[in-house]
Protein backbone atom coordinates (compact mmCIF):
# COMPACT_ATOMS: atom_id res chain seq x y z
CA UNK A 1 -45.62 -14.69 -4.09
CA UNK A 2 -44.53 -14.19 -8.01
CA UNK A 3 -41.40 -12.71 -8.02
CA UNK A 4 -41.14 -10.44 -11.23
CA UNK A 5 -37.91 -8.21 -11.70
CA UNK A 6 -39.89 -5.62 -14.30
CA UNK A 7 -42.36 -5.93 -17.44
CA UNK A 8 -41.17 -8.27 -20.32
CA UNK A 9 -38.41 -10.23 -18.02
CA UNK A 10 -39.23 -14.03 -16.48
CA UNK A 11 -38.95 -14.36 -12.68
CA UNK A 12 -35.80 -15.27 -11.58
CA UNK A 13 -37.20 -18.36 -9.71
CA UNK A 14 -40.34 -19.13 -9.07
CA UNK A 15 -41.22 -20.45 -5.83
CA UNK A 16 -42.86 -24.07 -5.39
CA UNK A 17 -46.03 -24.68 -4.01
CA UNK A 18 -44.29 -26.30 -1.07
CA UNK A 19 -42.48 -23.04 -0.15
CA UNK A 20 -45.79 -20.90 -0.96
CA UNK A 21 -47.66 -22.83 1.51
CA UNK A 22 -44.65 -22.72 3.80
CA UNK A 23 -44.34 -18.80 3.57
CA UNK A 24 -48.32 -18.76 4.74
CA UNK A 25 -47.56 -20.68 7.20
CA UNK A 26 -44.60 -18.78 8.82
CA UNK A 27 -46.22 -15.52 8.57
CA UNK A 28 -49.66 -16.77 10.55
CA UNK A 29 -47.01 -18.47 13.34
CA UNK A 30 -44.91 -14.96 13.57
CA UNK A 31 -48.04 -12.86 13.79
CA UNK A 32 -49.28 -15.67 16.70
CA UNK A 33 -45.81 -15.16 18.36
CA UNK A 34 -45.97 -11.72 18.63
CA UNK A 35 -49.05 -11.48 20.27
CA UNK A 36 -48.04 -14.44 22.28
CA UNK A 37 -44.99 -12.45 23.66
CA UNK A 38 -47.23 -9.60 24.39
CA UNK A 39 -49.88 -11.32 26.46
CA UNK A 40 -48.15 -14.59 27.45
CA UNK A 41 -44.44 -15.23 27.01
CA UNK A 42 -44.36 -18.52 28.56
CA UNK A 43 -46.42 -20.17 25.42
CA UNK A 44 -43.81 -18.34 23.51
CA UNK A 45 -41.98 -21.79 23.36
CA UNK A 46 -44.34 -23.28 21.13
CA UNK A 47 -44.77 -20.77 18.46
CA UNK A 48 -40.69 -20.77 18.55
CA UNK A 49 -40.67 -24.20 17.69
CA UNK A 50 -43.79 -23.30 15.24
CA UNK A 51 -41.37 -20.52 13.42
CA UNK A 52 -38.76 -23.10 13.06
CA UNK A 53 -40.63 -25.74 11.86
CA UNK A 54 -42.25 -23.53 9.27
CA UNK A 55 -39.02 -22.20 8.14
CA UNK A 56 -37.29 -25.91 7.79
CA UNK A 57 -40.40 -27.10 5.72
CA UNK A 58 -40.95 -24.18 3.51
CA UNK A 59 -37.32 -23.98 2.12
CA UNK A 60 -35.35 -26.53 0.19
CA UNK A 61 -31.87 -26.82 0.60
CA UNK A 62 -30.88 -24.71 -2.36
CA UNK A 63 -27.91 -23.57 -3.50
CA UNK A 64 -25.74 -25.21 -0.38
CA UNK A 65 -22.20 -26.91 -1.32
CA UNK A 66 -20.38 -28.81 1.22
CA UNK A 67 -16.29 -28.22 0.94
CA UNK A 68 -14.59 -30.33 3.79
CA UNK A 69 -16.59 -30.21 6.79
CA UNK A 70 -18.33 -26.52 5.99
CA UNK A 71 -21.47 -25.30 4.15
CA UNK A 72 -21.34 -22.65 1.72
CA UNK A 73 -23.88 -20.98 -0.85
CA UNK A 74 -23.15 -20.77 -4.17
CA UNK A 75 -25.20 -20.13 -6.99
CA UNK A 76 -23.69 -18.72 -10.46
CA UNK A 77 -25.31 -15.59 -11.55
CA UNK A 78 -28.54 -15.99 -13.46
CA UNK A 79 -28.46 -15.21 -17.05
CA UNK A 80 -31.29 -12.79 -16.99
CA UNK A 81 -29.46 -10.21 -14.38
CA UNK A 82 -25.94 -11.07 -15.85
CA UNK A 83 -26.11 -7.80 -17.62
CA UNK A 84 -26.54 -5.84 -14.57
CA UNK A 85 -24.30 -8.24 -12.16
CA UNK A 86 -21.46 -9.47 -14.46
CA UNK A 87 -19.94 -11.52 -11.71
CA UNK A 88 -19.97 -15.49 -12.61
CA UNK A 89 -21.08 -16.93 -9.55
CA UNK A 90 -21.78 -15.55 -5.95
CA UNK A 91 -19.59 -17.86 -3.36
CA UNK A 92 -20.10 -17.06 0.55
CA UNK A 93 -19.00 -18.99 3.18
CA UNK A 94 -21.88 -19.96 5.71
CA UNK A 95 -19.59 -20.53 8.40
CA UNK A 96 -21.12 -23.98 9.44
CA UNK A 97 -20.53 -27.37 9.55
CA UNK A 98 -24.52 -27.70 10.41
CA UNK A 99 -26.71 -28.99 7.59
CA UNK A 100 -29.79 -27.75 9.59
CA UNK A 101 -27.81 -24.48 10.01
CA UNK A 102 -26.35 -23.86 6.44
CA UNK A 103 -30.10 -24.43 5.06
CA UNK A 104 -31.22 -21.51 6.67
CA UNK A 105 -28.35 -19.27 5.96
CA UNK A 106 -28.76 -19.53 2.54
CA UNK A 107 -32.02 -19.83 2.18
CA UNK A 108 -32.38 -16.49 3.82
CA UNK A 109 -29.17 -15.36 1.54
CA UNK A 110 -30.83 -16.41 -1.77
CA UNK A 111 -33.78 -14.61 -1.21
CA UNK A 112 -31.78 -11.26 -0.41
CA UNK A 113 -29.85 -12.15 -3.29
CA UNK A 114 -32.88 -12.33 -5.46
CA UNK A 115 -34.36 -9.25 -4.24
CA UNK A 116 -30.87 -7.36 -5.04
CA UNK A 117 -31.00 -8.91 -8.15
CA UNK A 118 -34.68 -7.14 -8.83
CA UNK A 119 -33.77 -3.96 -7.57
CA UNK A 120 -30.64 -3.47 -10.02
CA UNK A 121 -33.01 -4.75 -13.04
CA UNK A 122 -35.78 -2.21 -11.60
CA UNK A 123 -33.28 0.48 -11.38
CA UNK A 124 -31.28 -0.51 -14.01
CA UNK A 125 -28.15 -0.29 -12.37
CA UNK A 126 -24.90 -2.82 -12.22
CA UNK A 127 -23.62 -4.73 -9.46
CA UNK A 128 -21.09 -2.24 -7.35
CA UNK A 129 -19.38 -2.82 -4.24
CA UNK A 130 -20.61 0.68 -3.26
CA UNK A 131 -24.23 -0.10 -3.07
CA UNK A 132 -22.77 -2.61 -0.06
CA UNK A 133 -21.92 0.81 2.01
CA UNK A 134 -25.52 2.30 1.15
CA UNK A 135 -27.32 -0.99 2.51
CA UNK A 136 -25.05 -0.27 6.09
CA UNK A 137 -27.29 2.98 5.61
CA UNK A 138 -30.30 1.70 5.16
CA UNK A 139 -30.34 -0.29 8.05
CA UNK A 140 -29.24 2.65 10.68
CA UNK A 141 -32.09 4.72 9.36
CA UNK A 142 -34.56 1.50 10.18
CA UNK A 143 -33.27 1.61 13.66
CA UNK A 144 -30.68 -1.52 13.41
CA UNK A 145 -27.17 -2.29 12.62
CA UNK A 146 -26.18 -3.91 9.72
CA UNK A 147 -25.33 -7.54 10.47
CA UNK A 148 -24.58 -9.74 7.59
CA UNK A 149 -26.85 -12.77 7.14
CA UNK A 150 -24.61 -15.40 9.09
CA UNK A 151 -24.71 -12.77 11.79
CA UNK A 152 -28.77 -12.35 11.71
CA UNK A 153 -29.44 -16.04 11.83
CA UNK A 154 -28.01 -16.24 15.00
CA UNK A 155 -29.62 -13.61 16.65
CA UNK A 156 -32.16 -14.52 19.23
CA UNK A 157 -35.58 -15.19 17.47
CA UNK A 158 -37.21 -12.00 19.26
CA UNK A 159 -34.92 -10.04 17.52
CA UNK A 160 -35.20 -11.99 14.02
CA UNK A 161 -39.09 -11.26 14.86
CA UNK A 162 -38.42 -7.61 15.40
CA UNK A 163 -36.51 -7.11 12.37
CA UNK A 164 -39.20 -9.25 10.28
CA UNK A 165 -42.01 -7.03 11.50
CA UNK A 166 -40.70 -3.52 9.94
CA UNK A 167 -40.60 -5.39 6.63
CA UNK A 168 -44.78 -5.70 5.48
CA UNK A 169 -44.47 -2.36 3.01
CA UNK A 170 -40.82 -2.44 3.01
CA UNK A 171 -38.79 -2.05 -0.41
CA UNK A 172 -36.39 -4.76 -1.72
CA UNK A 173 -33.18 -2.49 -0.06
CA UNK A 174 -34.80 -2.07 3.17
CA UNK A 175 -35.36 -6.17 3.57
CA UNK A 176 -31.48 -6.85 2.51
CA UNK A 177 -30.58 -3.57 4.94
CA UNK A 178 -32.70 -5.27 7.79
CA UNK A 179 -31.90 -8.96 6.84
CA UNK A 180 -28.11 -8.52 6.25
CA UNK A 181 -29.02 -9.73 2.59
CA UNK A 182 -26.20 -7.73 0.77
CA UNK A 183 -23.13 -9.56 0.31
CA UNK A 184 -20.18 -7.88 1.79
CA UNK A 185 -18.14 -6.88 -0.89
CA UNK A 186 -14.75 -8.26 -1.78
CA UNK A 187 -11.82 -6.57 -1.51
CA UNK A 188 -8.86 -8.23 -3.68
CA UNK A 189 -5.02 -7.40 -3.16
CA UNK A 190 -4.52 -5.88 -6.27
CA UNK A 191 -7.99 -3.62 -6.08
CA UNK A 192 -6.23 -2.50 -2.42
CA UNK A 193 -2.92 -1.61 -4.35
CA UNK A 194 -4.91 0.52 -6.42
CA UNK A 195 -6.76 1.97 -3.65
CA UNK A 196 -3.74 2.51 -1.55
CA UNK A 197 -2.38 5.24 -3.73
CA UNK A 198 -5.31 7.18 -3.43
CA UNK A 199 -4.98 6.92 0.61
CA UNK A 200 -1.20 7.96 0.16
CA UNK A 201 -1.32 11.13 -1.87
CA UNK A 202 0.13 12.92 0.98
CA UNK A 203 3.37 11.04 1.18
CA UNK A 204 3.94 11.97 -2.64
CA UNK A 205 3.39 15.41 -2.75
CA UNK A 206 6.39 16.81 -2.33
CA UNK A 207 8.68 14.25 -4.77
CA UNK A 208 9.57 14.73 -7.61
CA UNK A 209 8.39 12.52 -10.65
CA UNK A 210 11.96 10.40 -10.12
CA UNK A 211 11.54 9.30 -6.46
CA UNK A 212 8.10 8.85 -6.49
CA UNK A 213 8.51 6.15 -9.05
CA UNK A 214 11.34 5.02 -6.55
CA UNK A 215 8.41 5.06 -3.75
CA UNK A 216 6.11 2.95 -5.76
CA UNK A 217 8.14 0.86 -7.20
CA UNK A 218 9.00 -1.74 -4.61
CA UNK A 219 5.28 -1.83 -3.30
CA UNK A 220 4.00 -2.83 -6.63
CA UNK A 221 6.67 -5.50 -6.64
CA UNK A 222 5.95 -6.30 -2.82
CA UNK A 223 2.26 -7.01 -4.15
CA UNK A 224 2.70 -8.99 -7.41
CA UNK A 225 5.48 -11.15 -5.36
CA UNK A 226 2.49 -12.05 -2.97
CA UNK A 227 -0.30 -12.55 -5.57
CA UNK A 228 2.34 -14.62 -7.82
CA UNK A 229 2.49 -16.97 -4.62
CA UNK A 230 -1.00 -16.76 -3.40
CA UNK A 231 -3.18 -15.32 -6.12
CA UNK A 232 -5.30 -12.60 -6.09
CA UNK A 233 -7.18 -13.34 -3.17
CA UNK A 234 -9.76 -11.18 -1.10
CA UNK A 235 -7.86 -8.74 1.73
CA UNK A 236 -10.05 -10.57 4.19
CA UNK A 237 -9.31 -14.04 3.67
CA UNK A 238 -5.25 -13.68 4.13
CA UNK A 239 -3.65 -15.44 6.84
CA UNK A 240 -0.23 -16.10 8.46
CA UNK A 241 -0.17 -19.15 6.15
CA UNK A 242 0.15 -16.40 3.10
CA UNK A 243 2.89 -14.48 4.67
CA UNK A 244 4.52 -17.24 5.49
CA UNK A 245 4.42 -18.46 1.96
CA UNK A 246 6.18 -15.54 0.81
CA UNK A 247 8.76 -15.78 3.20
CA UNK A 248 9.80 -19.44 2.32
CA UNK A 249 9.94 -18.10 -1.20
CA UNK A 250 11.97 -15.31 -0.69
CA UNK A 251 14.43 -18.17 1.57
CA UNK A 252 14.67 -20.41 -1.69
CA UNK A 253 15.77 -17.36 -3.88
CA UNK A 254 18.44 -16.24 -1.12
CA UNK A 255 19.83 -19.82 -1.18
CA UNK A 256 19.54 -20.30 -4.49
CA UNK A 257 19.77 -16.84 -6.39
CA UNK A 258 21.69 -15.56 -3.67
CA UNK A 259 19.48 -12.53 -3.35
CA UNK A 260 20.13 -10.51 0.10
CA UNK A 261 17.59 -11.09 3.10
CA UNK A 262 17.31 -7.31 3.20
CA UNK A 263 15.30 -6.99 0.02
CA UNK A 264 13.04 -9.52 1.30
CA UNK A 265 12.65 -7.81 4.53
CA UNK A 266 12.32 -4.56 2.29
CA UNK A 267 9.27 -6.66 0.67
CA UNK A 268 7.43 -7.48 3.48
CA UNK A 269 7.70 -3.88 5.10
CA UNK A 270 6.04 -2.36 1.98
CA UNK A 271 3.35 -5.17 1.92
CA UNK A 272 2.75 -4.82 5.08
CA UNK A 273 2.24 -1.30 4.54
CA UNK A 274 -0.02 -1.46 1.89
CA UNK A 275 -2.63 -3.89 3.59
CA UNK A 276 -2.13 -2.21 7.11
CA UNK A 277 -3.45 1.48 5.38
CA UNK A 278 -6.34 -0.06 3.03
CA UNK A 279 -7.52 -2.42 6.19
CA UNK A 280 -7.37 0.69 8.43
CA UNK A 281 -9.46 3.07 5.71
CA UNK A 282 -11.97 -0.13 4.92
CA UNK A 283 -12.36 -1.17 8.66
CA UNK A 284 -11.38 -4.57 7.65
CA UNK A 285 -10.04 -5.44 11.22
CA UNK A 286 -6.86 -7.06 9.35
CA UNK A 287 -4.21 -7.81 12.35
CA UNK A 288 -0.95 -6.79 10.20
CA UNK A 289 0.90 -7.14 12.95
CA UNK A 290 0.21 -11.05 13.66
CA UNK A 291 0.64 -11.48 10.14
CA UNK A 292 4.04 -10.35 9.74
CA UNK A 293 5.50 -11.42 13.40
CA UNK A 294 9.02 -12.96 13.45
CA UNK A 295 8.80 -12.91 9.48
CA UNK A 296 11.60 -10.50 9.21
CA UNK A 297 14.80 -12.91 7.70
CA UNK A 298 18.45 -12.20 9.71
CA UNK A 299 20.56 -10.02 7.21
CA UNK A 300 24.16 -10.80 6.31
CA UNK A 301 26.70 -8.57 7.02
CA UNK A 302 26.70 -5.34 4.50
CA UNK A 303 30.07 -4.29 3.04
CA UNK A 304 29.90 -0.51 3.15
CA UNK A 305 31.63 1.37 0.33
CA UNK A 306 35.22 1.75 0.46
CA UNK A 307 36.58 5.51 0.25
CA UNK A 308 39.13 6.56 -2.23
CA UNK A 309 42.34 7.84 -1.27
CA UNK A 310 43.69 11.23 -2.17
CA UNK A 311 45.84 9.90 -4.96
CA UNK A 312 42.90 7.83 -6.66
CA UNK A 313 40.37 10.72 -6.47
CA UNK A 314 43.43 13.09 -8.41
CA UNK A 315 43.77 9.74 -10.67
CA UNK A 316 40.49 9.89 -11.67
CA UNK A 317 39.76 13.30 -12.22
CA UNK A 318 42.60 13.70 -13.58
CA UNK A 319 42.54 10.62 -16.24
CA UNK A 320 42.64 11.61 -20.09
CA UNK A 321 40.11 8.71 -20.02
CA UNK A 322 37.68 11.01 -18.86
CA UNK A 323 37.40 12.96 -21.94
CA UNK A 324 35.54 10.11 -23.14
CA UNK A 325 32.90 10.97 -20.66
CA UNK A 326 30.09 13.52 -21.87
CA UNK A 327 30.56 16.22 -20.47
CA UNK A 328 28.11 16.72 -17.50
CA UNK A 329 28.61 13.90 -16.21
CA UNK A 330 32.13 14.31 -15.70
CA UNK A 331 32.25 17.57 -14.54
CA UNK A 332 29.69 16.05 -11.87
CA UNK A 333 31.97 14.03 -10.62
CA UNK A 334 34.75 16.96 -9.72
CA UNK A 335 31.99 18.51 -7.74
CA UNK A 336 31.04 15.33 -5.97
CA UNK A 337 35.25 14.75 -5.08
CA UNK A 338 35.42 18.58 -3.74
CA UNK A 339 31.84 18.79 -1.87
CA UNK A 340 31.06 15.41 -0.64
CA UNK A 341 27.34 16.41 -1.75
CA UNK A 342 24.99 13.81 -2.63
CA UNK A 343 24.48 13.20 -6.61
CA UNK A 344 21.20 13.89 -6.32
CA UNK A 345 21.86 17.45 -4.54
CA UNK A 346 24.32 18.03 -7.15
CA UNK A 347 22.05 17.62 -10.02
CA UNK A 348 19.18 19.12 -8.24
CA UNK A 349 21.36 22.52 -7.90
CA UNK A 350 19.27 25.51 -10.29
CA UNK A 351 21.13 28.25 -11.57
CA UNK A 352 20.34 30.88 -8.68
CA UNK A 353 21.59 28.00 -6.26
CA UNK A 354 25.35 28.27 -7.84
CA UNK A 355 26.34 31.60 -6.41
CA UNK A 356 29.96 32.00 -8.06
CA UNK A 357 29.98 36.04 -7.80
CA UNK A 358 29.58 35.85 -4.17
CA UNK A 359 32.71 36.87 -2.33
CA UNK A 360 32.89 33.42 -1.29
CA UNK A 361 31.77 31.26 -4.43
CA UNK A 362 29.14 28.71 -2.88
CA UNK A 363 26.24 26.26 -3.51
CA UNK A 364 23.11 26.35 -1.68
CA UNK A 365 21.34 23.13 -1.61
CA UNK A 366 17.78 23.80 -0.68
CA UNK A 367 14.61 21.79 -0.44
CA UNK A 368 11.55 22.41 -2.72
CA UNK A 369 8.60 21.58 -3.29
CA UNK A 370 9.11 20.32 -6.20
CA UNK A 371 12.66 18.96 -5.71
CA UNK A 372 12.91 17.79 -1.83
CA UNK A 373 15.69 17.05 0.29
CA UNK A 374 16.61 13.55 2.06
CA UNK A 375 16.07 15.50 4.88
CA UNK A 376 15.80 18.86 6.80
CA UNK A 377 19.41 18.71 7.39
CA UNK A 378 20.45 18.26 4.17
CA UNK A 379 20.02 22.03 3.63
CA UNK A 380 22.98 23.66 3.60
CA UNK A 381 25.54 25.87 1.93
CA UNK A 382 28.86 24.50 0.99
CA UNK A 383 31.74 26.68 -0.23
CA UNK A 384 33.77 25.84 -3.59
CA UNK A 385 37.41 25.30 -3.60
CA UNK A 386 39.66 23.41 -6.27
CA UNK A 387 37.60 20.87 -9.00
CA UNK A 388 34.65 22.03 -7.51
CA UNK A 389 34.91 25.99 -8.38
CA UNK A 390 36.65 24.86 -11.45
CA UNK A 391 33.33 22.75 -12.56
CA UNK A 392 31.08 25.38 -11.46
CA UNK A 393 32.28 28.34 -13.45
CA UNK A 394 32.27 25.72 -16.87
CA UNK A 395 28.60 24.43 -15.97
CA UNK A 396 27.43 27.99 -14.20
CA UNK A 397 23.99 26.61 -15.01
CA UNK A 398 24.30 23.31 -13.35
CA UNK A 399 23.62 19.82 -15.00
CA UNK A 400 20.24 20.19 -16.54
CA UNK A 401 20.86 16.90 -18.98
CA UNK A 402 20.69 15.05 -15.25
CA UNK A 403 18.22 17.68 -13.25
CA UNK A 404 15.84 15.01 -11.40
CA UNK A 405 17.54 11.78 -12.70
CA UNK A 406 20.67 10.95 -10.06
CA UNK A 407 19.94 7.38 -10.60
CA UNK A 408 20.85 7.54 -14.37
CA UNK A 409 23.91 9.71 -13.78
CA UNK A 410 25.15 7.41 -10.98
CA UNK A 411 24.46 4.85 -13.73
CA UNK A 412 26.27 6.39 -16.19
CA UNK A 413 28.93 7.33 -14.01
CA UNK A 414 29.86 4.52 -12.39
CA UNK A 415 29.65 2.02 -16.07
CA UNK A 416 32.09 4.13 -17.49
CA UNK A 417 34.69 4.36 -14.17
CA UNK A 418 34.37 0.27 -14.24
CA UNK A 419 34.68 -0.15 -18.14
CA UNK A 420 37.72 1.92 -17.84
CA UNK A 421 39.60 0.57 -15.25
CA UNK A 422 39.35 4.05 -12.55
CA UNK A 423 37.58 2.08 -9.97
CA UNK A 424 40.14 0.50 -7.30
CA UNK A 425 37.86 -2.37 -6.65
CA UNK A 426 34.21 -3.63 -6.89
CA UNK A 427 33.55 -1.87 -3.70
CA UNK A 428 34.08 1.30 -4.97
CA UNK A 429 31.45 3.89 -6.62
CA UNK A 430 30.53 6.81 -7.42
CA UNK A 431 29.37 7.59 -3.91
CA UNK A 432 33.05 6.76 -2.82
CA UNK A 433 33.59 10.46 -3.23
CA UNK A 434 31.09 10.94 -0.14
CA UNK A 435 32.63 8.62 2.14
CA UNK A 436 36.19 10.15 0.82
CA UNK A 437 35.28 13.94 1.90
CA UNK A 438 33.91 12.57 5.58
CA UNK A 439 37.25 11.01 5.88
CA UNK A 440 39.25 14.22 4.83
CA UNK A 441 37.60 16.77 7.22
CA UNK A 442 37.97 14.22 10.04
CA UNK A 443 41.90 14.25 9.31
CA UNK A 444 42.41 17.62 9.85
CA UNK A 445 40.10 17.99 13.07
CA UNK A 446 37.25 19.48 11.84
CA UNK A 447 34.82 20.36 14.27
CA UNK A 448 32.02 17.38 15.18
CA UNK A 449 29.10 20.82 13.94
CA UNK A 450 30.74 22.03 11.53
CA UNK A 451 31.55 18.13 9.86
CA UNK A 452 27.89 17.49 10.18
CA UNK A 453 27.10 20.80 8.49
CA UNK A 454 29.07 19.65 5.61
CA UNK A 455 28.21 16.46 5.17
CA UNK A 456 23.82 17.64 5.39
CA UNK A 457 23.88 15.30 8.76
CA UNK A 458 22.23 15.90 12.01
CA UNK A 459 24.46 17.08 14.68
CA UNK A 460 23.24 14.62 17.44
CA UNK A 461 25.68 15.26 20.17
CA UNK A 462 23.76 18.18 21.84
CA UNK A 463 21.28 20.75 21.33
CA UNK A 464 21.59 22.72 18.02
CA UNK A 465 21.48 26.13 19.02
CA UNK A 466 22.61 29.08 16.80
CA UNK A 467 23.26 29.38 13.34
CA UNK A 468 26.03 27.34 12.72
CA UNK A 469 29.25 27.80 10.86
CA UNK A 470 29.10 30.13 8.65
CA UNK A 471 30.98 30.01 4.73
CA UNK A 472 34.34 31.71 6.26
CA UNK A 473 34.52 29.03 8.80
CA UNK A 474 33.66 26.66 6.20
CA UNK A 475 36.11 27.43 3.77
CA UNK A 476 38.70 27.60 6.52
CA UNK A 477 38.50 24.11 6.74
CA UNK A 478 37.50 23.11 3.09
CA UNK A 479 40.90 24.44 1.95
CA UNK A 480 42.80 22.21 4.14
CA UNK A 481 41.44 19.26 2.09
CA UNK A 482 41.14 20.67 -1.17
CA UNK A 483 42.38 18.67 -3.76
CA UNK A 484 44.22 20.88 -6.33
CA UNK A 485 46.74 22.89 -5.87
CA UNK A 486 44.86 26.08 -7.74
CA UNK A 487 44.67 28.74 -5.53
CA UNK A 488 40.67 29.62 -4.56
CA UNK A 489 39.96 32.66 -7.05
C-alpha cells in the first residue's frame, strides 16, 4: 500500500515488493487464524507459525542498531517531516538481545512512527509529548489498555490478533493507540524542574519574594549539580549509579575544598524532592527511596554561634564607630540586643505593629500572608525596654529600607562589625544577640513558658493551656535583664 502523508508530499517510505507480498500473506493468515480459532482451536498452531513466518519474511531488519548486547530502534527524523517533528532522531530501547525479536519490535514500532508522522503532516501539527496522553485515551476508548510497543510484542498471539482485528477501518491514531506505536515521551531532569515549580505552587503561597527565592535556589542548585555530572537525562533512566556519582563528587569537594557535608546532604534532599514530586504526578514509578538510600554523608560537629556577654553588647552599642553605619542598620542592632527577636521579624514590622502609645509599649510580631513567620509559635508581643524602646522612638515606622531583606541587613551589619573590630571572634555574629538574650532570661530564672513566649519557641514541656503571659508579666522579666540603665518611659 502506498504510504502518502498529504497531497504534494512524497512518501515517507515506499514499501518494497517483498513487504507488500508479505503483508498480503500476513492478512490472509490472520483471517484464517481467526476462523480456525473459532471452529478448530487445535489447528491454530499451524496458523500461528504462518503468522510469524509472514511477519518475519515481509519485514526486513530496518532501523535496528545493536549497542552492547541489546538492540535499539534508531531512525533519523525524515527530512520531509522535520518541519513537524523537530527532534533529530528517534531512539528507543527494544529491551531484548534477540535479533529476531528486535526485528519484530522495530518493524512494529516503525510502522506506527510513520503513521504518527502522517497524522502530524495531515493535521498540520507539531510533535508534542501531550499527544502521547491522547493516544492512551484513544486506546481505552477502543477497549484496550495502552501498552508500549515492546509490551504489545510480548503479548500472546491471540491478544495481538484481537488488537489487529479492530484496525481495518481505523485511523492512524487508533492504530498507534492499539498497537502501542507512540513512543512514551521523555521527561528530562531540567524539564522536571520546570514542572516541579508548577506542582509546588502551594509551598510558596505565603512566602515573600525573598523567602521564595531562598526556597527555590537550593533546588535549582541541586538539579544543576546533577545535570553537570550526569547530563540532562530522561528521568526514567536515572539509576542509583547516577546519584552515587553526585555523592562521590561531593565527597571530593569536601576533601579538597573544605565544603560542609551538610551542604551535600541538603543537595540530596532537594534533588529527591524534585524527582519524587514529578514522578508521583507523572506516574513514572521512580523509586527515589532506593535511589537515595544510604547516600547521606556523616556531618561534622556544628559549632554553635557564641553569645555576647553583657559587656560586649554594651561596647558594641555605645561604640563611636557605630555612627559610621547607616541609621536603620544601627537602630536594628539596638532592637536585636534588647528583644532577642530574629532579624526577619524585626525588619518585617509595619508601623501598626509598633505600639509606642500603649500603657506598656510593645511590638507585635504577627504572621501575615505576604510576610509569613517561621512558625505558629513565632507570633508574640514583646514589651519594649532600654535600647529597644529608644530605637523605636527614633524609628516609629520600623525599617522600610530592609523590609523583606533580612539577609541583606544581616550581611551589612556583620560585615561592618567585623571590619571595625566589634566582633569578639569569628564565631560571633549579629545572631549572637538572640543567643545572648536566651542566656540572660535564663540567668534571672524566667519561667520556662515565659522564656518560650519571649523567644517565639514552642513550649513543649506540657500542653499549652490558656493565653500565656501577658505584657505585664513579660515586662517584669525584661526589666531584670535590661541592658541600659535608663528607666522605661
